[in-house]
Amino acid sequence: GIVLIVLAIACRIAEAVFYGDVGPDGVLRESWFLPLTFIFLALGLIALAASVVLRRGDG
């Protein structure tokens, strides 16, 4: 879970540094980093929630 959240943060930083602006020709430059940010974040939060639920079941 933590690894996926770290990957989400890395994708967000890459999006902010390399993409997400308007080019000199007036075209918006986007990449796959932004959707990957949300995918990794969602999967990471689901994995962490599942981990918490499974640990409670063991106790």
Protein backbone atom coordinates (compact mmCIF):
# COMPACT_ATOMS: atom_id res chain seq x y z
CA GLY A 1 0.00 0.00 0.00
CA ILE A 2 2.74 2.44 0.96
CA VAL A 3 4.67 1.69 -2.23
CA LEU A 4 1.62 2.54 -4.35
CA ILE A 5 1.14 5.81 -2.49
CA VAL A 6 4.81 6.69 -3.02
CA LEU A 7 4.38 5.92 -6.74
CA ALA A 8 1.33 8.22 -6.79
CA ILE A 9 3.39 11.02 -5.26
CA ALA A 10 6.19 10.43 -7.78
CA CYS A 11 3.71 10.55 -10.68
CA ARG A 12 2.22 13.79 -9.37
CA ILE A 13 5.66 15.37 -9.12
CA ALA A 14 6.52 14.20 -12.65
CA GLU A 15 3.25 15.68 -13.94
CA ALA A 16 3.98 19.02 -12.28
CA VAL A 17 7.58 19.15 -13.53
CA PHE A 18 7.26 17.88 -17.09
CA TYR A 19 3.64 18.36 -18.19
CA GLY A 20 0.37 20.06 -17.36
CA ASP A 21 0.95 23.43 -18.95
CA VAL A 22 -0.05 25.21 -22.13
CA GLY A 23 2.53 25.01 -24.89
CA PRO A 24 3.70 27.97 -26.96
CA ASP A 25 1.20 26.98 -29.67
CA GLY A 26 -1.72 27.21 -27.20
CA VAL A 27 -2.22 23.45 -26.86
CA LEU A 28 -2.65 21.92 -23.40
CA ARG A 29 0.09 19.36 -22.75
CA GLU A 30 -1.10 16.40 -20.68
CA SER A 31 0.44 13.04 -19.91
CA TRP A 32 -0.50 9.74 -18.36
CA PHE A 33 1.08 10.78 -15.08
CA LEU A 34 -2.09 12.46 -13.80
CA PRO A 35 -4.40 9.43 -14.30
CA LEU A 36 -1.67 7.17 -12.93
CA THR A 37 -1.51 9.37 -9.83
CA PHE A 38 -5.17 8.73 -9.07
CA ILE A 39 -4.97 5.02 -9.94
CA PHE A 40 -1.94 4.43 -7.70
CA LEU A 41 -3.45 6.50 -4.90
CA ALA A 42 -6.76 4.61 -5.02
CA LEU A 43 -5.05 1.22 -5.10
CA GLY A 44 -2.72 2.23 -2.28
CA LEU A 45 -5.57 3.39 -0.07
CA ILE A 46 -7.54 0.22 -0.81
CA ALA A 47 -4.50 -1.91 0.04
CA LEU A 48 -3.95 -0.03 3.31
CA ALA A 49 -7.63 -0.35 4.24
CA ALA A 50 -7.56 -4.07 3.46
CA SER A 51 -4.45 -4.45 5.58
CA VAL A 52 -6.13 -2.74 8.53
CA VAL A 53 -9.25 -4.89 8.18
CA LEU A 54 -7.25 -8.11 7.93
CA ARG A 55 -5.14 -7.22 10.98
CA ARG A 56 -8.27 -6.53 13.03
CA GLY A 57 -9.60 -9.95 12.07
CA ASP A 58 -6.44 -11.63 13.42
CA GLY A 59 -6.67 -9.93 16.82
